[in-house]
Amino acid sequence: MTDKDFKALMELAARKLEEAKTMSKKEAILSLNSAGILTKKGKFMKPYAELEKLVPPKQ
């Protein structure tokens, strides 16, 4: 990876981080679902089950 590639990747990551900061809860869940982290019902997929401990319970 060249320095130019690395810089482009870092800029992309910064843009995506800014987008994530303005996402609604529904958009965030859909994004995590499309990444294979959450099921359609909002539960963590088996490889990510440990993350359940970090999420506050629904009220």
PDB file of N, CA and C in Angstrom:
ATOM      1  N   MET A   1       0.855  -1.172   0.000  1.00  0.00           N
ATOM      2  CA  MET A   1       0.000   0.000   0.000  1.00  0.00           C
ATOM      3  C   MET A   1       0.905   1.241   0.000  1.00  0.00           C
ATOM      4  N   THR A   2       0.620   2.124  -0.906  1.00  0.00           N
ATOM      5  CA  THR A   2       1.424   3.331  -0.996  1.00  0.00           C
ATOM      6  C   THR A   2       0.919   4.378   0.001  1.00  0.00           C
ATOM      7  N   ASP A   3       1.711   5.397   0.213  1.00  0.00           N
ATOM      8  CA  ASP A   3       1.288   6.490   1.094  1.00  0.00           C
ATOM      9  C   ASP A   3       0.016   7.144   0.563  1.00  0.00           C
ATOM     10  N   LYS A   4      -0.083   7.248  -0.760  1.00  0.00           N
ATOM     11  CA  LYS A   4      -1.271   7.845  -1.383  1.00  0.00           C
ATOM     12  C   LYS A   4      -2.508   6.981  -1.087  1.00  0.00           C
ATOM     13  N   ASP A   5      -2.363   5.658  -1.201  1.00  0.00           N
ATOM     14  CA  ASP A   5      -3.466   4.738  -0.899  1.00  0.00           C
ATOM     15  C   ASP A   5      -3.869   4.851   0.566  1.00  0.00           C
ATOM     16  N   PHE A   6      -2.865   4.910   1.428  1.00  0.00           N
ATOM     17  CA  PHE A   6      -3.132   4.998   2.862  1.00  0.00           C
ATOM     18  C   PHE A   6      -3.878   6.287   3.191  1.00  0.00           C
ATOM     19  N   LYS A   7      -3.446   7.387   2.603  1.00  0.00           N
ATOM     20  CA  LYS A   7      -4.109   8.674   2.842  1.00  0.00           C
ATOM     21  C   LYS A   7      -5.557   8.635   2.368  1.00  0.00           C
ATOM     22  N   ALA A   8      -5.805   8.056   1.198  1.00  0.00           N
ATOM     23  CA  ALA A   8      -7.164   7.942   0.671  1.00  0.00           C
ATOM     24  C   ALA A   8      -8.031   7.089   1.590  1.00  0.00           C
ATOM     25  N   LEU A   9      -7.467   6.007   2.100  1.00  0.00           N
ATOM     26  CA  LEU A   9      -8.200   5.132   3.013  1.00  0.00           C
ATOM     27  C   LEU A   9      -8.540   5.844   4.317  1.00  0.00           C
ATOM     28  N   MET A  10      -7.604   6.619   4.839  1.00  0.00           N
ATOM     29  CA  MET A  10      -7.847   7.375   6.071  1.00  0.00           C
ATOM     30  C   MET A  10      -8.921   8.446   5.862  1.00  0.00           C
ATOM     31  N   GLU A  11      -8.922   9.086   4.701  1.00  0.00           N
ATOM     32  CA  GLU A  11      -9.946  10.083   4.398  1.00  0.00           C
ATOM     33  C   GLU A  11     -11.319   9.429   4.294  1.00  0.00           C
ATOM     34  N   LEU A  12     -11.380   8.260   3.679  1.00  0.00           N
ATOM     35  CA  LEU A  12     -12.632   7.523   3.580  1.00  0.00           C
ATOM     36  C   LEU A  12     -13.140   7.139   4.965  1.00  0.00           C
ATOM     37  N   ALA A  13     -12.242   6.665   5.809  1.00  0.00           N
ATOM     38  CA  ALA A  13     -12.616   6.283   7.170  1.00  0.00           C
ATOM     39  C   ALA A  13     -13.149   7.488   7.943  1.00  0.00           C
ATOM     40  N   ALA A  14     -12.527   8.640   7.771  1.00  0.00           N
ATOM     41  CA  ALA A  14     -12.978   9.853   8.462  1.00  0.00           C
ATOM     42  C   ALA A  14     -14.368  10.264   7.984  1.00  0.00           C
ATOM     43  N   ARG A  15     -14.618  10.158   6.685  1.00  0.00           N
ATOM     44  CA  ARG A  15     -15.955  10.494   6.152  1.00  0.00           C
ATOM     45  C   ARG A  15     -17.016   9.539   6.693  1.00  0.00           C
ATOM     46  N   LYS A  16     -16.685   8.248   6.708  1.00  0.00           N
ATOM     47  CA  LYS A  16     -17.647   7.250   7.204  1.00  0.00           C
ATOM     48  C   LYS A  16     -17.924   7.443   8.690  1.00  0.00           C
ATOM     49  N   LEU A  17     -16.922   7.834   9.457  1.00  0.00           N
ATOM     50  CA  LEU A  17     -17.108   8.097  10.873  1.00  0.00           C
ATOM     51  C   LEU A  17     -18.060   9.272  11.071  1.00  0.00           C
ATOM     52  N   GLU A  18     -17.895  10.315  10.292  1.00  0.00           N
ATOM     53  CA  GLU A  18     -18.792  11.471  10.380  1.00  0.00           C
ATOM     54  C   GLU A  18     -20.217  11.082  10.007  1.00  0.00           C
ATOM     55  N   GLU A  19     -20.372  10.247   8.991  1.00  0.00           N
ATOM     56  CA  GLU A  19     -21.700   9.768   8.600  1.00  0.00           C
ATOM     57  C   GLU A  19     -22.338   8.978   9.741  1.00  0.00           C
ATOM     58  N   ALA A  20     -21.550   8.141  10.399  1.00  0.00           N
ATOM     59  CA  ALA A  20     -22.062   7.310  11.491  1.00  0.00           C
ATOM     60  C   ALA A  20     -22.544   8.165  12.655  1.00  0.00           C
ATOM     61  N   LYS A  21     -21.915   9.308  12.873  1.00  0.00           N
ATOM     62  CA  LYS A  21     -22.302  10.184  13.982  1.00  0.00           C
ATOM     63  C   LYS A  21     -23.694  10.783  13.787  1.00  0.00           C
ATOM     64  N   THR A  22     -24.153  10.861  12.548  1.00  0.00           N
ATOM     65  CA  THR A  22     -25.452  11.470  12.280  1.00  0.00           C
ATOM     66  C   THR A  22     -26.535  10.440  11.935  1.00  0.00           C
ATOM     67  N   MET A  23     -26.209   9.164  12.034  1.00  0.00           N
ATOM     68  CA  MET A  23     -27.183   8.113  11.723  1.00  0.00           C
ATOM     69  C   MET A  23     -28.274   8.032  12.772  1.00  0.00           C
ATOM     70  N   SER A  24     -29.465   7.709  12.312  1.00  0.00           N
ATOM     71  CA  SER A  24     -30.546   7.415  13.253  1.00  0.00           C
ATOM     72  C   SER A  24     -30.318   6.001  13.791  1.00  0.00           C
ATOM     73  N   LYS A  25     -31.048   5.642  14.824  1.00  0.00           N
ATOM     74  CA  LYS A  25     -30.920   4.301  15.395  1.00  0.00           C
ATOM     75  C   LYS A  25     -31.265   3.248  14.341  1.00  0.00           C
ATOM     76  N   LYS A  26     -32.311   3.522  13.573  1.00  0.00           N
ATOM     77  CA  LYS A  26     -32.744   2.572  12.542  1.00  0.00           C
ATOM     78  C   LYS A  26     -31.656   2.408  11.471  1.00  0.00           C
ATOM     79  N   GLU A  27     -31.057   3.511  11.040  1.00  0.00           N
ATOM     80  CA  GLU A  27     -29.984   3.448  10.050  1.00  0.00           C
ATOM     81  C   GLU A  27     -28.786   2.681  10.587  1.00  0.00           C
ATOM     82  N   ALA A  28     -28.457   2.890  11.857  1.00  0.00           N
ATOM     83  CA  ALA A  28     -27.328   2.193  12.462  1.00  0.00           C
ATOM     84  C   ALA A  28     -27.580   0.692  12.508  1.00  0.00           C
ATOM     85  N   ILE A  29     -28.787   0.292  12.896  1.00  0.00           N
ATOM     86  CA  ILE A  29     -29.123  -1.135  12.956  1.00  0.00           C
ATOM     87  C   ILE A  29     -29.067  -1.753  11.560  1.00  0.00           C
ATOM     88  N   LEU A  30     -29.597  -1.041  10.557  1.00  0.00           N
ATOM     89  CA  LEU A  30     -29.551  -1.552   9.185  1.00  0.00           C
ATOM     90  C   LEU A  30     -28.110  -1.686   8.691  1.00  0.00           C
ATOM     91  N   SER A  31     -27.264  -0.741   9.059  1.00  0.00           N
ATOM     92  CA  SER A  31     -25.853  -0.797   8.669  1.00  0.00           C
ATOM     93  C   SER A  31     -25.163  -2.000   9.307  1.00  0.00           C
ATOM     94  N   LEU A  32     -25.395  -2.205  10.602  1.00  0.00           N
ATOM     95  CA  LEU A  32     -24.799  -3.352  11.292  1.00  0.00           C
ATOM     96  C   LEU A  32     -25.353  -4.665  10.761  1.00  0.00           C
ATOM     97  N   ASN A  33     -26.619  -4.652  10.355  1.00  0.00           N
ATOM     98  CA  ASN A  33     -27.218  -5.849   9.769  1.00  0.00           C
ATOM     99  C   ASN A  33     -26.571  -6.160   8.423  1.00  0.00           C
ATOM    100  N   SER A  34     -26.394  -5.151   7.596  1.00  0.00           N
ATOM    101  CA  SER A  34     -25.788  -5.394   6.276  1.00  0.00           C
ATOM    102  C   SER A  34     -24.328  -5.822   6.396  1.00  0.00           C
ATOM    103  N   ALA A  35     -23.684  -5.462   7.499  1.00  0.00           N
ATOM    104  CA  ALA A  35     -22.294  -5.879   7.734  1.00  0.00           C
ATOM    105  C   ALA A  35     -22.218  -7.279   8.338  1.00  0.00           C
ATOM    106  N   GLY A  36     -23.385  -7.864   8.676  1.00  0.00           N
ATOM    107  CA  GLY A  36     -23.391  -9.216   9.237  1.00  0.00           C
ATOM    108  C   GLY A  36     -23.120  -9.259  10.722  1.00  0.00           C
ATOM    109  N   ILE A  37     -23.286  -8.117  11.402  1.00  0.00           N
ATOM    110  CA  ILE A  37     -23.027  -8.051  12.834  1.00  0.00           C
ATOM    111  C   ILE A  37     -24.309  -8.269  13.628  1.00  0.00           C
ATOM    112  N   LEU A  38     -25.426  -7.761  13.116  1.00  0.00           N
ATOM    113  CA  LEU A  38     -26.723  -7.938  13.762  1.00  0.00           C
ATOM    114  C   LEU A  38     -27.666  -8.727  12.868  1.00  0.00           C
ATOM    115  N   THR A  39     -28.598  -9.434  13.498  1.00  0.00           N
ATOM    116  CA  THR A  39     -29.666 -10.098  12.758  1.00  0.00           C
ATOM    117  C   THR A  39     -30.718  -9.050  12.397  1.00  0.00           C
ATOM    118  N   LYS A  40     -31.702  -9.436  11.613  1.00  0.00           N
ATOM    119  CA  LYS A  40     -32.773  -8.507  11.254  1.00  0.00           C
ATOM    120  C   LYS A  40     -33.588  -8.094  12.473  1.00  0.00           C
ATOM    121  N   LYS A  41     -33.572  -8.908  13.511  1.00  0.00           N
ATOM    122  CA  LYS A  41     -34.295  -8.589  14.740  1.00  0.00           C
ATOM    123  C   LYS A  41     -33.464  -7.753  15.706  1.00  0.00           C
ATOM    124  N   GLY A  42     -32.230  -7.424  15.315  1.00  0.00           N
ATOM    125  CA  GLY A  42     -31.387  -6.572  16.142  1.00  0.00           C
ATOM    126  C   GLY A  42     -30.534  -7.314  17.162  1.00  0.00           C
ATOM    127  N   LYS A  43     -30.444  -8.616  17.050  1.00  0.00           N
ATOM    128  CA  LYS A  43     -29.598  -9.412  17.945  1.00  0.00           C
ATOM    129  C   LYS A  43     -28.226  -9.592  17.309  1.00  0.00           C
ATOM    130  N   PHE A  44     -27.190  -9.710  18.141  1.00  0.00           N
ATOM    131  CA  PHE A  44     -25.847  -9.903  17.619  1.00  0.00           C
ATOM    132  C   PHE A  44     -25.700 -11.301  17.038  1.00  0.00           C
ATOM    133  N   MET A  45     -24.990 -11.389  15.916  1.00  0.00           N
ATOM    134  CA  MET A  45     -24.696 -12.683  15.315  1.00  0.00           C
ATOM    135  C   MET A  45     -23.724 -13.412  16.251  1.00  0.00           C
ATOM    136  N   LYS A  46     -23.666 -14.719  16.126  1.00  0.00           N
ATOM    137  CA  LYS A  46     -22.882 -15.542  17.041  1.00  0.00           C
ATOM    138  C   LYS A  46     -21.430 -15.063  17.237  1.00  0.00           C
ATOM    139  N   PRO A  47     -20.689 -14.714  16.169  1.00  0.00           N
ATOM    140  CA  PRO A  47     -19.297 -14.283  16.395  1.00  0.00           C
ATOM    141  C   PRO A  47     -19.177 -12.979  17.194  1.00  0.00           C
ATOM    142  N   TYR A  48     -20.260 -12.226  17.287  1.00  0.00           N
ATOM    143  CA  TYR A  48     -20.246 -10.935  17.974  1.00  0.00           C
ATOM    144  C   TYR A  48     -21.056 -10.953  19.267  1.00  0.00           C
ATOM    145  N   ALA A  49     -21.424 -12.128  19.735  1.00  0.00           N
ATOM    146  CA  ALA A  49     -22.280 -12.263  20.911  1.00  0.00           C
ATOM    147  C   ALA A  49     -21.711 -11.574  22.149  1.00  0.00           C
ATOM    148  N   GLU A  50     -20.397 -11.526  22.280  1.00  0.00           N
ATOM    149  CA  GLU A  50     -19.769 -10.879  23.438  1.00  0.00           C
ATOM    150  C   GLU A  50     -20.098  -9.388  23.507  1.00  0.00           C
ATOM    151  N   LEU A  51     -20.395  -8.783  22.371  1.00  0.00           N
ATOM    152  CA  LEU A  51     -20.733  -7.350  22.345  1.00  0.00           C
ATOM    153  C   LEU A  51     -22.051  -7.065  23.065  1.00  0.00           C
ATOM    154  N   GLU A  52     -22.876  -8.071  23.213  1.00  0.00           N
ATOM    155  CA  GLU A  52     -24.165  -7.909  23.901  1.00  0.00           C
ATOM    156  C   GLU A  52     -23.955  -7.360  25.316  1.00  0.00           C
ATOM    157  N   LYS A  53     -22.827  -7.717  25.928  1.00  0.00           N
ATOM    158  CA  LYS A  53     -22.525  -7.252  27.296  1.00  0.00           C
ATOM    159  C   LYS A  53     -22.290  -5.750  27.346  1.00  0.00           C
ATOM    160  N   LEU A  54     -21.910  -5.140  26.224  1.00  0.00           N
ATOM    161  CA  LEU A  54     -21.590  -3.711  26.190  1.00  0.00           C
ATOM    162  C   LEU A  54     -22.787  -2.830  25.861  1.00  0.00           C
ATOM    163  N   VAL A  55     -23.879  -3.460  25.405  1.00  0.00           N
ATOM    164  CA  VAL A  55     -25.073  -2.714  25.010  1.00  0.00           C
ATOM    165  C   VAL A  55     -26.032  -2.647  26.178  1.00  0.00           C
ATOM    166  N   PRO A  56     -26.474  -1.436  26.547  1.00  0.00           N
ATOM    167  CA  PRO A  56     -27.419  -1.335  27.668  1.00  0.00           C
ATOM    168  C   PRO A  56     -28.744  -2.022  27.313  1.00  0.00           C
ATOM    169  N   PRO A  57     -29.407  -2.636  28.291  1.00  0.00           N
ATOM    170  CA  PRO A  57     -30.676  -3.314  28.033  1.00  0.00           C
ATOM    171  C   PRO A  57     -31.749  -2.319  27.587  1.00  0.00           C
ATOM    172  N   LYS A  58     -32.686  -2.827  26.765  1.00  0.00           N
ATOM    173  CA  LYS A  58     -33.808  -1.986  26.310  1.00  0.00           C
ATOM    174  C   LYS A  58     -34.725  -1.694  27.488  1.00  0.00           C
ATOM    175  N   GLN A  59     -35.271  -0.488  27.493  1.00  0.00           N
ATOM    176  CA  GLN A  59     -36.161  -0.117  28.601  1.00  0.00           C
ATOM    177  C   GLN A  59     -37.583  -0.043  28.164  1.00  0.00           C
TER     178      GLN A  59
END
